[in-house]
Amino acid sequence: MPTMTRAWSRSRSALGALALVVVVVVAFLAGMLVERLISHAERDDMLRRYDQALREHRARVMETEKQQTGDPAKP
């Protein structure tokens, strides 16, 4: 019976090592996912600010062009 116990002990420790590897890999992938979600949220905020600044700039340019041409539609 001692050989049976050793084999069972070895397979149990191998299973434990495999479980540990799986947990580490899952934790690593979860960390990568969280990091990507955060960076995408920051990127979206930056793109929103850029888009708003671009709209404001274009509106100022259009207003300046209207003033330079003396647009009669302006009250």
Protein backbone atom coordinates (compact mmCIF):
# COMPACT_ATOMS: atom_id res chain seq x y z
CA MET A 1 0.00 0.00 0.00
CA PRO A 2 2.84 2.51 0.48
CA THR A 3 3.41 2.66 -3.32
CA MET A 4 -0.26 3.47 -3.83
CA THR A 5 -0.02 6.26 -1.27
CA ARG A 6 3.09 7.72 -2.93
CA ALA A 7 1.50 7.69 -6.37
CA TRP A 8 -1.64 9.32 -5.00
CA SER A 9 0.48 11.90 -3.18
CA ARG A 10 2.45 12.71 -6.33
CA SER A 11 -0.66 13.08 -8.46
CA ARG A 12 -2.25 15.22 -5.76
CA SER A 13 0.76 17.56 -5.64
CA ALA A 14 0.85 17.71 -9.46
CA LEU A 15 -2.83 18.60 -9.48
CA GLY A 16 -2.19 21.29 -6.88
CA ALA A 17 0.65 22.74 -8.95
CA LEU A 18 -1.55 22.72 -12.04
CA ALA A 19 -4.33 24.48 -10.13
CA LEU A 20 -1.84 27.11 -8.95
CA VAL A 21 -0.66 27.71 -12.52
CA VAL A 22 -4.25 28.09 -13.70
CA VAL A 23 -5.00 30.59 -10.91
CA VAL A 24 -1.90 32.63 -11.75
CA VAL A 25 -2.74 32.69 -15.47
CA VAL A 26 -6.35 33.71 -14.81
CA ALA A 27 -5.21 36.47 -12.42
CA PHE A 28 -2.72 37.71 -15.02
CA LEU A 29 -5.36 37.82 -17.75
CA ALA A 30 -7.83 39.55 -15.44
CA GLY A 31 -5.20 42.17 -14.64
CA MET A 32 -4.55 42.75 -18.33
CA LEU A 33 -8.28 43.11 -18.97
CA VAL A 34 -8.68 45.69 -16.20
CA GLU A 35 -5.66 47.63 -17.46
CA ARG A 36 -7.03 47.71 -21.00
CA LEU A 37 -10.47 48.81 -19.83
CA ILE A 38 -8.93 51.66 -17.86
CA SER A 39 -6.72 52.76 -20.75
CA HIS A 40 -9.68 52.66 -23.15
CA ALA A 41 -11.75 54.79 -20.78
CA GLU A 42 -8.92 57.33 -20.52
CA ARG A 43 -8.52 57.29 -24.31
CA ASP A 44 -12.26 57.87 -24.82
CA ASP A 45 -12.18 60.85 -22.43
CA MET A 46 -9.20 62.32 -24.26
CA LEU A 47 -10.88 61.85 -27.64
CA ARG A 48 -14.06 63.54 -26.34
CA ARG A 49 -12.05 66.54 -25.13
CA TYR A 50 -10.17 66.71 -28.44
CA ASP A 51 -13.42 66.54 -30.42
CA GLN A 52 -14.96 69.33 -28.33
CA ALA A 53 -11.87 71.53 -28.75
CA LEU A 54 -11.90 70.87 -32.49
CA ARG A 55 -15.58 71.84 -32.75
CA GLU A 56 -14.94 75.05 -30.80
CA HIS A 57 -11.95 75.89 -33.01
CA ARG A 58 -13.93 75.31 -36.19
CA ALA A 59 -16.78 77.45 -34.88
CA ARG A 60 -14.34 80.30 -34.11
CA VAL A 61 -12.77 80.00 -37.56
CA MET A 62 -16.19 80.11 -39.22
CA GLU A 63 -17.20 83.11 -37.12
CA THR A 64 -13.99 84.93 -38.02
CA GLU A 65 -14.50 84.17 -41.72
CA LYS A 66 -18.08 85.48 -41.54
CA GLN A 67 -16.86 88.70 -39.92
CA GLN A 68 -14.14 89.16 -42.55
CA THR A 69 -16.51 88.72 -45.47
CA GLY A 70 -19.13 91.01 -43.95
CA ASP A 71 -21.88 88.45 -44.18
CA PRO A 72 -25.20 90.34 -44.62
CA ALA A 73 -27.14 87.49 -42.96
CA LYS A 74 -25.61 88.51 -39.65
CA PRO A 75 -27.97 90.82 -37.64
